């Protein structure tokens, strides 16, 4: 009798889990995540590259003329 009850509970739980997973997979969600509200990425702007290039040139000049005296 205990084996029959265990078998019945096991098959009922298996059936319940398979029905729940089938229902969960059929549900469609419309998720729209748009983090690009104002335009392109920061590195697509030309003025960012100009500022970075100027800072790089100033750094190279400052490092290369550090030990020299005029």
Protein backbone atom coordinates (compact mmCIF):
# COMPACT_ATOMS: atom_id res chain seq x y z
CA UNK A 1 0.00 0.00 0.00
CA UNK A 2 2.83 2.43 0.85
CA UNK A 3 4.50 1.68 -2.47
CA UNK A 4 1.28 2.48 -4.34
CA UNK A 5 0.95 5.81 -2.51
CA UNK A 6 4.58 6.69 -3.23
CA UNK A 7 4.11 5.78 -6.90
CA UNK A 8 0.93 7.85 -7.08
CA UNK A 9 2.60 10.88 -5.46
CA UNK A 10 5.66 10.57 -7.68
CA UNK A 11 3.62 10.41 -10.90
CA UNK A 12 1.39 13.26 -9.73
CA UNK A 13 4.39 15.46 -8.98
CA UNK A 14 5.98 14.57 -12.32
CA UNK A 15 2.75 15.42 -14.16
CA UNK A 16 2.37 18.68 -12.21
CA UNK A 17 5.97 19.75 -12.93
CA UNK A 18 5.69 18.97 -16.64
CA UNK A 19 2.42 20.90 -16.96
CA UNK A 20 3.86 23.90 -15.11
CA UNK A 21 7.00 23.93 -17.24
CA UNK A 22 4.97 23.62 -20.45
CA UNK A 23 2.77 26.55 -19.46
CA UNK A 24 5.78 28.62 -18.44
CA UNK A 25 7.49 28.04 -21.79
CA UNK A 26 4.45 29.09 -23.81
CA UNK A 27 4.07 32.43 -22.10
CA UNK A 28 5.39 35.29 -24.25
CA UNK A 29 6.87 38.38 -22.64
CA UNK A 30 7.47 41.60 -24.52
CA UNK A 31 10.61 43.03 -22.97
CA UNK A 32 12.00 46.15 -24.61
CA UNK A 33 15.23 47.37 -23.06
CA UNK A 34 16.58 50.41 -24.86
CA UNK A 35 19.55 51.91 -23.07
CA UNK A 36 20.68 53.80 -26.16
CA UNK A 37 18.22 56.67 -25.75
CA UNK A 38 20.32 59.64 -26.83
CA UNK A 39 22.33 58.25 -29.71
CA UNK A 40 25.52 56.34 -30.32
CA UNK A 41 28.21 55.14 -27.98
CA UNK A 42 30.68 57.56 -26.42
CA UNK A 43 33.52 56.34 -28.63
CA UNK A 44 31.64 57.13 -31.85
CA UNK A 45 31.90 60.89 -31.22
CA UNK A 46 34.74 62.54 -33.13
CA UNK A 47 35.38 65.20 -30.49
CA UNK A 48 36.14 62.55 -27.88
CA UNK A 49 38.91 61.20 -30.11
CA UNK A 50 40.28 64.72 -30.65
CA UNK A 51 40.45 65.34 -26.88
CA UNK A 52 42.10 61.96 -26.27
CA UNK A 53 44.65 62.60 -29.04
CA UNK A 54 45.47 66.06 -27.67
CA UNK A 55 45.93 64.68 -24.15
CA UNK A 56 48.15 61.91 -25.52
CA UNK A 57 50.32 64.39 -27.44
CA UNK A 58 50.61 66.69 -24.40
CA UNK A 59 51.60 63.72 -22.22
CA UNK A 60 54.26 62.53 -24.69
CA UNK A 61 55.71 66.04 -24.98
CA UNK A 62 55.72 66.49 -21.19
CA UNK A 63 57.47 63.14 -20.64
CA UNK A 64 60.05 63.69 -23.37
CA UNK A 65 61.04 67.19 -22.20
CA UNK A 66 61.16 66.39 -18.49
CA UNK A 67 64.94 66.28 -18.01
CA UNK A 68 65.97 69.03 -20.41
CA UNK A 69 66.74 72.62 -19.48
CA UNK A 70 66.60 75.39 -22.00
